[in-house]
Amino acid sequence: MSAFEITGGHKLKGEIVPQGAKNEALQILCAVLLTQEPVVVRNVPNIIDVNKLIELLNDLGVMVTKIDGATYKFEAKDIRLDFLETEEFKKKASALRGSIMIIGPLLARFGKARMPKPGGDKIGRRRLDTHFLGLQKLGAQFNYDSGDSFYHIEAKQLQGCYMLLDEASVTGTANVVMAAVLAKGKTTLYNAACEPYLQQLCSMLNRMGAKIEGIGSNLLHIEGVESLGGTEHTILPDMIEIGSFIGMAAMTESELTIKNCRIDMLGIIPSTFQRLGIQMEFRGDDIYIPSQSSYEIDTFIDGSIMTVADQIWPGFTPDLLSIVLVVATQAKGSVLIHQKMFESRLFFVDKLIDMGAQIILCDPHRATVIGNNKQIPLRGISMTSPDIRAGVALLIAAMSAQGKSIIHNIEQIDRGYQFIDTRLNALGAKIKRI
């Protein structure tokens, strides 16, 4: 198992280009199963989770051609449904949570699918109910075999309907949308997720011949069509990487320019970091972060302590709460971090406390951070990354700390961040892969 050895206290300087968005890529790649025609996808991130999904698609019979470093062509002409019955499929699909989104396309095009319980981050129970309930309303029948932990799904003919999703799940919405575009009749989808990644998926499907209205809202109208064609698609820059780099610049007093950010798709991410006191300038589509010796957390208008909480889009994404939390440890002022969606996602703060941060873990969902205004630097320690986002938060902490830190289980970081050590070392970081 690999680890990072980080020598803290080094300022970064220069420009960095964010990778393609991981969460969008997983949806877009599953959507190639909806057509026999070629689909070209650009800005595909070279990360473990995405590479695993590409490998899984190839095993299913999708012809995968790598055009250049970040561009692929997919042709799903001859799909091997028998691969779903194999032990190899069970092993690969269960190791990747994003694999759940092949169900919708397979149901829509072939009328059946199988899926083992998927894996992913250990951040608490992550419900699949929205996927299953939505597909059932379209006419799919689910059976769960507890003996082999497989879901067996069949649908002779998906039928459009009205449905109110029980939660605005991004992957759940994506799965239902991909099934509904080939269903018979009209589907009305209320309480749909409306994240930029979902908008991107819907826009791509429309270019393929789907009829989706209401993109960007939580009310989608989908008129089913008989078949879809090919298209070309470019994946957005990863908003989670962009937020991570903003926080990293502040913690390490670095001067950074984050290039090609698609600022119009970042929602309240920039303003949330500005409320932590981080200065930034928008230069066209780039975000410039000047070197800051200190930054002060804002308060509410009545002077009470600020709360940063995750919400469904266009609220603040839960994937950046770990970054906000670690950045707050060195700010002037205090903030309450409220992680509503996952009950285990704050369980990395013990490592930050060991490094010298002042954090009160109120309960599994809330932590109060008392910033020390960089008066007491964090100290390097040995620690283990529990999940992707906590891993990068710990990496940021280690880069700002005095002395050396070791982060074990960095495969978690590699799942979501492309060549992160190489890219940061080019800016002046001291990160060694061991």
Protein backbone atom coordinates (compact mmCIF):
# COMPACT_ATOMS: atom_id res chain seq x y z
CA MET A 1 0.00 0.00 0.00
CA SER A 2 1.45 3.37 -1.03
CA ALA A 3 1.87 6.46 1.13
CA PHE A 4 2.77 10.12 0.75
CA GLU A 5 5.65 11.66 2.68
CA ILE A 6 5.01 15.40 2.84
CA THR A 7 7.49 18.01 4.00
CA GLY A 8 5.36 20.94 5.10
CA GLY A 9 5.94 24.66 5.06
CA HIS A 10 6.62 25.16 1.35
CA LYS A 11 4.73 27.85 -0.54
CA LEU A 12 3.40 27.06 -4.01
CA LYS A 13 3.53 29.40 -6.96
CA GLY A 14 2.31 29.16 -10.54
CA GLU A 15 -0.61 27.91 -12.60
CA ILE A 16 -2.56 24.67 -12.34
CA VAL A 17 -5.25 23.24 -14.62
CA PRO A 18 -8.04 21.24 -12.92
CA GLN A 19 -8.69 17.74 -14.20
CA GLY A 20 -11.97 16.65 -15.76
CA ALA A 21 -14.79 16.19 -13.27
CA LYS A 22 -14.81 12.71 -11.72
CA ASN A 23 -18.52 12.70 -10.87
CA GLU A 24 -19.53 13.84 -14.34
CA ALA A 25 -17.24 11.35 -16.04
CA LEU A 26 -18.86 8.40 -14.25
CA GLN A 27 -22.32 9.43 -15.52
CA ILE A 28 -21.19 10.24 -19.06
CA LEU A 29 -19.31 6.96 -19.47
CA CYS A 30 -22.34 4.93 -18.40
CA ALA A 31 -24.46 6.82 -20.95
CA VAL A 32 -22.39 5.43 -23.87
CA LEU A 33 -24.29 2.15 -23.32
CA LEU A 34 -27.46 3.82 -24.65
CA THR A 35 -26.37 3.83 -28.30
CA GLN A 36 -24.63 1.65 -30.87
CA GLU A 37 -23.04 4.69 -32.47
CA PRO A 38 -19.64 6.17 -31.53
CA VAL A 39 -19.46 8.59 -28.61
CA VAL A 40 -16.31 10.70 -28.23
CA VAL A 41 -15.62 12.03 -24.72
CA ARG A 42 -12.95 14.66 -24.01
CA ASN A 43 -11.26 15.78 -20.78
CA VAL A 44 -11.62 12.35 -19.16
CA PRO A 45 -9.67 12.35 -15.86
CA ASN A 46 -6.96 9.72 -15.46
CA ILE A 47 -8.01 8.50 -12.01
CA ILE A 48 -8.63 5.08 -10.51
CA ASP A 49 -12.45 5.19 -10.35
CA VAL A 50 -12.83 6.38 -13.94
CA ASN A 51 -10.23 3.92 -15.26
CA LYS A 52 -12.04 1.08 -13.47
CA LEU A 53 -15.32 2.05 -15.14
CA ILE A 54 -13.68 2.22 -18.58
CA GLU A 55 -12.26 -1.26 -17.97
CA LEU A 56 -15.70 -2.52 -16.92
CA LEU A 57 -17.29 -1.08 -20.09
CA ASN A 58 -14.62 -2.76 -22.18
CA ASP A 59 -15.35 -6.09 -20.47
CA LEU A 60 -19.04 -5.60 -21.32
CA GLY A 61 -18.12 -5.40 -25.00
CA VAL A 62 -17.81 -1.65 -25.51
CA MET A 63 -15.04 -0.88 -28.00
CA VAL A 64 -12.79 1.65 -26.26
CA THR A 65 -10.29 3.66 -28.29
CA LYS A 66 -7.95 6.10 -26.57
CA ILE A 67 -7.50 9.00 -28.99
CA ASP A 68 -5.11 11.00 -26.80
CA GLY A 69 -4.28 11.43 -23.10
CA ALA A 70 -7.76 12.60 -22.11
CA THR A 71 -9.98 11.73 -25.12
CA TYR A 72 -11.73 8.41 -25.71
CA LYS A 73 -14.08 6.98 -28.32
CA PHE A 74 -16.67 4.44 -27.17
CA GLU A 75 -18.75 2.13 -29.38
CA ALA A 76 -21.31 -0.03 -27.59
CA LYS A 77 -22.40 -2.11 -30.61
CA ASP A 78 -21.93 -5.65 -29.30
CA ILE A 79 -22.69 -5.76 -25.59
CA ARG A 80 -21.89 -9.03 -23.77
CA LEU A 81 -24.78 -9.38 -21.34
CA ASP A 82 -23.40 -12.77 -20.31
CA PHE A 83 -20.51 -10.93 -18.64
CA LEU A 84 -23.00 -9.78 -16.01
CA GLU A 85 -23.22 -13.40 -14.83
CA THR A 86 -19.49 -13.77 -14.17
CA GLU A 87 -17.51 -13.65 -10.96
CA GLU A 88 -15.20 -11.11 -12.60
CA PHE A 89 -18.11 -8.70 -13.11
CA LYS A 90 -19.14 -9.11 -9.47
CA LYS A 91 -15.61 -8.33 -8.31
CA LYS A 92 -15.14 -5.27 -10.52
CA ALA A 93 -18.62 -3.75 -10.16
CA SER A 94 -18.74 -4.18 -6.38
CA ALA A 95 -15.44 -2.27 -6.08
CA LEU A 96 -16.83 0.80 -7.84
CA ARG A 97 -19.87 2.72 -6.64
CA GLY A 98 -20.29 4.48 -9.99
CA SER A 99 -21.04 1.14 -11.64
CA ILE A 100 -24.61 1.40 -10.31
CA MET A 101 -25.34 3.80 -13.17
CA ILE A 102 -25.05 1.11 -15.84
CA ILE A 103 -28.43 -0.26 -14.69
CA GLY A 104 -30.53 2.48 -16.30
CA PRO A 105 -28.88 2.26 -19.75
CA LEU A 106 -28.89 -1.57 -19.76
CA LEU A 107 -32.57 -1.69 -18.75
CA ALA A 108 -33.53 0.90 -21.36
CA ARG A 109 -31.70 -0.81 -24.20
CA PHE A 110 -31.77 -4.51 -23.32
CA GLY A 111 -34.54 -4.90 -20.74
CA LYS A 112 -32.42 -6.47 -18.02
CA ALA A 113 -29.42 -5.89 -15.78
CA ARG A 114 -27.62 -7.38 -12.79
CA MET A 115 -25.63 -5.52 -10.16
CA PRO A 116 -23.75 -6.53 -7.01
CA LYS A 117 -23.79 -4.25 -4.01
CA PRO A 118 -21.44 -1.43 -5.09
CA GLY A 119 -18.51 -0.15 -3.05
CA GLY A 120 -17.04 3.35 -2.71
CA ASP A 121 -16.09 5.59 0.21
CA LYS A 122 -16.72 4.41 3.77
CA ILE A 123 -18.58 7.54 4.82
CA GLY A 124 -21.75 5.97 6.18
CA ARG A 125 -24.71 4.28 4.51
CA ARG A 126 -25.24 5.56 1.00
CA ARG A 127 -28.78 4.82 -0.08
CA LEU A 128 -29.59 3.18 -3.39
CA ASP A 129 -33.33 3.49 -2.80
CA THR A 130 -33.74 6.44 -5.17
CA HIS A 131 -32.26 4.44 -8.04
CA PHE A 132 -34.44 1.43 -7.39
CA LEU A 133 -37.71 3.24 -6.63
CA GLY A 134 -37.38 5.44 -9.71
CA LEU A 135 -36.64 2.53 -12.03
CA GLN A 136 -39.49 0.52 -10.49
CA LYS A 137 -41.91 3.34 -11.30
CA LEU A 138 -40.78 3.06 -14.91
CA GLY A 139 -41.75 -0.62 -14.82
CA ALA A 140 -38.58 -2.42 -13.71
CA GLN A 141 -38.81 -5.41 -11.38
CA PHE A 142 -36.11 -5.84 -8.73
CA ASN A 143 -35.10 -8.99 -6.91
CA TYR A 144 -32.28 -9.14 -4.38
CA ASP A 145 -30.44 -12.41 -3.84
CA SER A 146 -28.89 -12.28 -0.37
CA GLY A 147 -26.92 -15.43 -1.19
CA ASP A 148 -24.73 -13.78 -3.80
CA SER A 149 -25.52 -10.12 -2.89
CA PHE A 150 -26.83 -9.44 -6.41
CA TYR A 151 -29.71 -7.28 -7.56
CA HIS A 152 -31.55 -8.79 -10.54
CA ILE A 153 -33.50 -6.25 -12.58
CA GLU A 154 -35.84 -6.82 -15.55
CA ALA A 155 -38.20 -4.66 -17.61
CA LYS A 156 -39.90 -5.86 -20.79
CA GLN A 157 -40.94 -2.31 -21.68
CA LEU A 158 -40.15 0.76 -19.61
CA GLN A 159 -43.14 3.08 -19.46
CA GLY A 160 -42.93 6.82 -18.80
CA CYS A 161 -44.78 8.16 -15.76
CA TYR A 162 -44.88 10.95 -13.19
CA MET A 163 -42.57 10.44 -10.24
CA LEU A 164 -41.48 12.45 -7.23
CA LEU A 165 -38.02 11.25 -6.21
CA ASP A 166 -37.66 10.55 -2.49
CA GLU A 167 -34.38 12.50 -2.48
CA ALA A 168 -32.51 14.62 -5.03
CA SER A 169 -29.80 12.00 -5.54
CA VAL A 170 -27.38 12.92 -8.33
CA THR A 171 -26.56 9.37 -9.40
CA GLY A 172 -30.15 8.28 -8.77
CA THR A 173 -31.46 11.04 -11.02
CA ALA A 174 -28.86 10.16 -13.67
CA ASN A 175 -29.89 6.49 -13.64
CA VAL A 176 -33.60 7.30 -13.97
CA VAL A 177 -33.00 9.88 -16.72
CA MET A 178 -30.89 7.42 -18.74
CA ALA A 179 -33.67 4.84 -18.48
CA ALA A 180 -36.48 7.30 -19.22
CA VAL A 181 -35.00 8.64 -22.48
CA LEU A 182 -35.76 5.28 -24.14
CA ALA A 183 -38.98 4.54 -22.23
CA LYS A 184 -42.36 4.62 -23.96
CA GLY A 185 -44.24 7.87 -23.43
CA LYS A 186 -43.53 10.85 -21.20
CA THR A 187 -41.73 10.88 -17.86
CA THR A 188 -42.07 13.79 -15.45
CA LEU A 189 -39.31 13.78 -12.86
CA TYR A 190 -39.78 16.04 -9.82
CA ASN A 191 -37.21 16.64 -7.09
CA ALA A 192 -34.54 15.78 -9.64
CA ALA A 193 -30.92 16.67 -8.86
CA CYS A 194 -29.81 19.68 -10.90
CA GLU A 195 -26.02 19.71 -10.38
CA PRO A 196 -23.89 20.89 -13.33
CA TYR A 197 -22.90 17.25 -13.92
CA LEU A 198 -26.57 16.30 -14.37
CA GLN A 199 -27.05 19.28 -16.67
CA GLN A 200 -24.10 18.09 -18.73
CA LEU A 201 -25.53 14.56 -18.96
CA CYS A 202 -28.94 15.82 -20.07
CA SER A 203 -27.42 18.15 -22.67
CA MET A 204 -25.35 15.29 -24.05
CA LEU A 205 -28.40 13.00 -24.23
CA ASN A 206 -30.33 15.69 -26.10
CA ARG A 207 -27.51 15.92 -28.65
CA MET A 208 -27.88 12.15 -29.05
CA GLY A 209 -31.57 12.59 -29.89
CA ALA A 210 -33.26 12.51 -26.47
CA LYS A 211 -36.05 14.95 -25.62
CA ILE A 212 -35.39 16.38 -22.16
CA GLU A 213 -36.82 19.71 -21.01
CA GLY A 214 -36.20 21.62 -17.78
CA ILE A 215 -32.43 21.08 -17.69
CA GLY A 216 -30.92 22.92 -14.73
CA SER A 217 -34.14 22.75 -12.68
CA ASN A 218 -35.49 20.09 -10.33
CA LEU A 219 -38.43 19.37 -12.66
CA LEU A 220 -37.53 17.41 -15.80
CA HIS A 221 -39.88 16.43 -18.63
CA ILE A 222 -38.64 13.52 -20.76
CA GLU A 223 -40.33 12.33 -23.93
CA GLY A 224 -39.13 8.83 -24.71
CA VAL A 225 -37.57 8.12 -28.11
CA GLU A 226 -36.92 4.84 -29.90
CA SER A 227 -33.14 5.13 -30.21
CA LEU A 228 -30.21 7.45 -29.64
CA GLY A 229 -27.26 8.33 -31.87
CA GLY A 230 -23.63 9.20 -31.29
CA THR A 231 -22.18 12.53 -30.18
CA GLU A 232 -19.10 14.29 -28.84
CA HIS A 233 -18.87 15.61 -25.30
CA THR A 234 -16.36 17.58 -23.20
CA ILE A 235 -16.34 17.01 -19.44
CA LEU A 236 -16.35 20.05 -17.13
CA PRO A 237 -13.32 20.88 -14.96
CA ASP A 238 -13.65 19.24 -11.55
CA MET A 239 -15.26 21.71 -9.12
CA ILE A 240 -13.98 19.69 -6.16
CA GLU A 241 -10.38 20.02 -7.35
CA ILE A 242 -10.91 23.74 -7.90
CA GLY A 243 -12.22 24.16 -4.34
CA SER A 244 -9.35 22.04 -3.02
CA PHE A 245 -6.79 24.26 -4.77
CA ILE A 246 -8.43 27.42 -3.39
CA GLY A 247 -8.18 26.04 0.15
CA MET A 248 -4.65 24.75 -0.43
CA ALA A 249 -3.46 28.19 -1.59
CA ALA A 250 -4.84 29.85 1.55
CA MET A 251 -3.39 27.26 3.95
CA THR A 252 0.10 27.39 2.42
CA GLU A 253 0.15 31.18 1.79
CA SER A 254 0.62 30.44 -1.90
CA GLU A 255 0.04 32.52 -5.01
CA LEU A 256 -1.87 30.33 -7.45
CA THR A 257 -3.78 30.73 -10.68
CA ILE A 258 -6.35 28.01 -11.31
CA LYS A 259 -6.91 27.88 -15.06
CA ASN A 260 -10.05 27.22 -17.12
CA CYS A 261 -12.44 26.86 -14.17
CA ARG A 262 -15.83 27.26 -15.88
CA ILE A 263 -16.69 29.77 -13.17
CA ASP A 264 -20.28 29.90 -14.44
CA MET A 265 -20.71 26.29 -13.27
CA LEU A 266 -19.19 26.65 -9.78
CA GLY A 267 -22.30 27.92 -8.00
CA ILE A 268 -21.59 29.24 -4.49
CA ILE A 269 -18.23 27.47 -4.13
CA PRO A 270 -16.11 30.62 -4.68
CA SER A 271 -18.28 32.80 -2.42
CA THR A 272 -18.17 30.19 0.37
CA PHE A 273 -14.37 30.27 0.39
CA GLN A 274 -14.50 34.09 0.24
CA ARG A 275 -16.59 34.00 3.44
CA LEU A 276 -13.68 32.17 5.06
CA GLY A 277 -11.62 35.27 4.24
CA ILE A 278 -9.82 33.90 1.19
CA GLN A 279 -9.11 36.56 -1.40
CA MET A 280 -9.53 35.73 -5.09
CA GLU A 281 -9.83 37.44 -8.43
CA PHE A 282 -11.73 36.20 -11.46
CA ARG A 283 -9.58 36.75 -14.53
CA GLY A 284 -11.71 35.66 -17.43
CA ASP A 285 -12.31 31.98 -16.66
CA ASP A 286 -9.30 31.73 -14.33
CA ILE A 287 -9.27 32.16 -10.54
CA TYR A 288 -6.23 33.98 -9.13
CA ILE A 289 -5.44 33.44 -5.42
CA PRO A 290 -2.90 35.91 -3.98
CA SER A 291 -0.55 34.93 -1.16
CA GLN A 292 -2.21 35.71 2.20
CA SER A 293 -0.50 35.68 5.58
CA SER A 294 -3.92 35.49 7.28
CA TYR A 295 -7.61 35.23 6.48
CA GLU A 296 -10.63 35.92 8.69
CA ILE A 297 -13.90 34.00 8.80
CA ASP A 298 -17.02 36.07 8.26
CA THR A 299 -19.92 36.08 10.75
CA PHE A 300 -23.64 36.27 10.21
CA ILE A 301 -25.14 39.75 10.06
CA ASP A 302 -26.03 39.67 13.77
CA GLY A 303 -22.47 38.70 14.70
CA SER A 304 -23.19 35.03 15.43
CA ILE A 305 -20.83 32.24 14.39
CA MET A 306 -20.98 31.27 10.75
CA THR A 307 -22.24 27.84 9.71
CA VAL A 308 -21.15 26.08 6.54
CA ALA A 309 -23.49 23.21 5.70
CA ASP A 310 -23.83 20.89 2.73
CA GLN A 311 -27.01 21.13 0.68
CA ILE A 312 -28.38 19.85 -2.59
CA TRP A 313 -27.41 21.97 -5.60
CA PRO A 314 -27.34 24.94 -5.91
CA GLY A 315 -26.31 24.73 -2.25
CA PHE A 316 -22.78 23.91 -1.13
CA THR A 317 -21.49 20.51 -2.25
CA PRO A 318 -20.75 18.00 0.56
CA ASP A 319 -17.53 16.96 -1.20
CA LEU A 320 -15.88 20.25 -0.21
CA LEU A 321 -16.86 20.37 3.47
CA SER A 322 -13.68 18.48 4.41
CA ILE A 323 -11.64 21.17 2.65
CA VAL A 324 -13.54 24.01 4.34
CA LEU A 325 -13.00 22.36 7.71
CA VAL A 326 -9.23 22.05 7.36
CA VAL A 327 -8.88 25.57 5.94
CA ALA A 328 -10.80 26.96 8.93
CA THR A 329 -8.25 25.54 11.38
CA GLN A 330 -5.74 28.23 10.38
CA ALA A 331 -8.21 31.09 9.90
CA LYS A 332 -9.02 33.90 12.31
CA GLY A 333 -12.40 33.17 13.85
CA SER A 334 -14.66 30.16 14.29
CA VAL A 335 -17.09 28.23 12.13
CA LEU A 336 -19.58 25.40 12.59
CA ILE A 337 -19.30 22.70 9.93
CA HIS A 338 -22.57 20.79 9.45
CA GLN A 339 -22.27 17.65 7.33
CA LYS A 340 -25.87 16.54 6.88
CA MET A 341 -25.64 13.82 4.25
CA PHE A 342 -23.09 11.29 5.57
CA GLU A 343 -22.78 10.27 9.20
CA SER A 344 -19.12 9.17 9.03
CA ARG A 345 -17.55 11.88 6.92
CA LEU A 346 -16.25 13.99 9.82
CA PHE A 347 -14.43 11.09 11.43
CA PHE A 348 -11.06 12.25 10.10
CA VAL A 349 -10.91 15.30 12.41
CA ASP A 350 -9.05 13.29 15.07
CA LYS A 351 -6.01 13.43 12.78
CA LEU A 352 -6.27 17.21 12.55
CA ILE A 353 -6.60 17.42 16.35
CA ASP A 354 -3.43 15.32 16.65
CA MET A 355 -1.75 17.86 14.36
CA GLY A 356 -2.70 20.66 16.78
CA ALA A 357 -5.99 21.92 15.33
CA GLN A 358 -8.71 23.11 17.72
CA ILE A 359 -11.84 21.25 16.70
CA ILE A 360 -14.81 20.13 18.78
CA LEU A 361 -16.62 17.17 17.21
CA CYS A 362 -20.14 17.86 18.44
CA ASP A 363 -21.69 14.70 16.96
CA PRO A 364 -21.26 12.62 13.75
CA HIS A 365 -22.63 15.50 11.68
CA ARG A 366 -21.25 18.68 13.27
CA ALA A 367 -17.83 20.04 14.16
CA THR A 368 -16.90 23.45 15.56
CA VAL A 369 -13.54 24.74 14.34
CA ILE A 370 -11.72 27.41 16.36
CA GLY A 371 -9.21 28.96 13.99
CA ASN A 372 -5.85 30.01 15.44
CA ASN A 373 -4.99 32.63 12.78
CA LYS A 374 -1.78 30.73 11.95
CA GLN A 375 -0.37 31.54 15.40
CA ILE A 376 0.22 27.85 16.14
CA PRO A 377 1.26 25.92 13.00
CA LEU A 378 0.02 22.38 12.57
CA ARG A 379 2.65 19.70 13.21
CA GLY A 380 3.46 16.77 10.96
CA ILE A 381 2.22 13.32 12.00
CA SER A 382 1.60 9.87 10.52
CA MET A 383 -2.04 9.25 9.52
CA THR A 384 -4.32 7.26 7.22
CA SER A 385 -6.73 8.57 4.59
CA PRO A 386 -10.27 7.23 5.22
CA ASP A 387 -11.84 8.51 1.97
CA ILE A 388 -11.09 10.62 -1.11
CA ARG A 389 -12.07 14.04 0.20
CA ALA A 390 -10.72 13.59 3.73
CA GLY A 391 -7.48 12.37 2.13
CA VAL A 392 -6.97 15.62 0.25
CA ALA A 393 -7.95 17.65 3.32
CA LEU A 394 -5.21 15.82 5.25
CA LEU A 395 -2.78 16.43 2.37
CA ILE A 396 -3.52 20.18 2.55
CA ALA A 397 -3.00 20.10 6.33
CA ALA A 398 0.31 18.28 5.91
CA MET A 399 1.52 20.76 3.27
CA SER A 400 0.94 23.63 5.72
CA ALA A 401 2.35 21.83 8.77
CA GLN A 402 5.79 22.01 10.35
CA GLY A 403 7.94 18.95 9.74
CA LYS A 404 7.15 15.76 7.87
CA SER A 405 3.84 13.93 7.62
CA ILE A 406 3.03 10.48 6.29
CA ILE A 407 -0.39 9.77 4.77
CA HIS A 408 -1.14 6.06 4.29
CA ASN A 409 -3.83 4.53 2.07
CA ILE A 410 -3.32 7.16 -0.64
CA GLU A 411 -5.10 4.88 -3.11
CA GLN A 412 -8.17 6.68 -1.76
CA ILE A 413 -6.73 10.01 -2.95
CA ASP A 414 -5.71 8.51 -6.31
CA ARG A 415 -9.33 7.43 -6.84
CA GLY A 416 -10.32 11.05 -7.30
CA TYR A 417 -7.24 13.19 -7.96
CA GLN A 418 -5.08 12.79 -11.06
CA PHE A 419 -1.29 12.69 -10.48
CA ILE A 420 -1.81 15.04 -7.53
CA ASP A 421 1.74 14.69 -6.17
CA THR A 422 3.40 15.36 -9.55
CA ARG A 423 1.20 18.37 -10.29
CA LEU A 424 1.71 19.97 -6.87
CA ASN A 425 5.45 19.27 -6.80
CA ALA A 426 5.73 21.21 -10.06
CA LEU A 427 4.41 24.24 -8.13
CA GLY A 428 6.86 23.86 -5.25
CA ALA A 429 5.32 21.25 -2.94
CA LYS A 430 7.48 18.54 -1.35
CA ILE A 431 5.44 15.34 -1.72
CA LYS A 432 7.15 11.99 -2.07
CA ARG A 433 5.31 8.80 -3.03
CA ILE A 434 6.68 5.92 -0.95
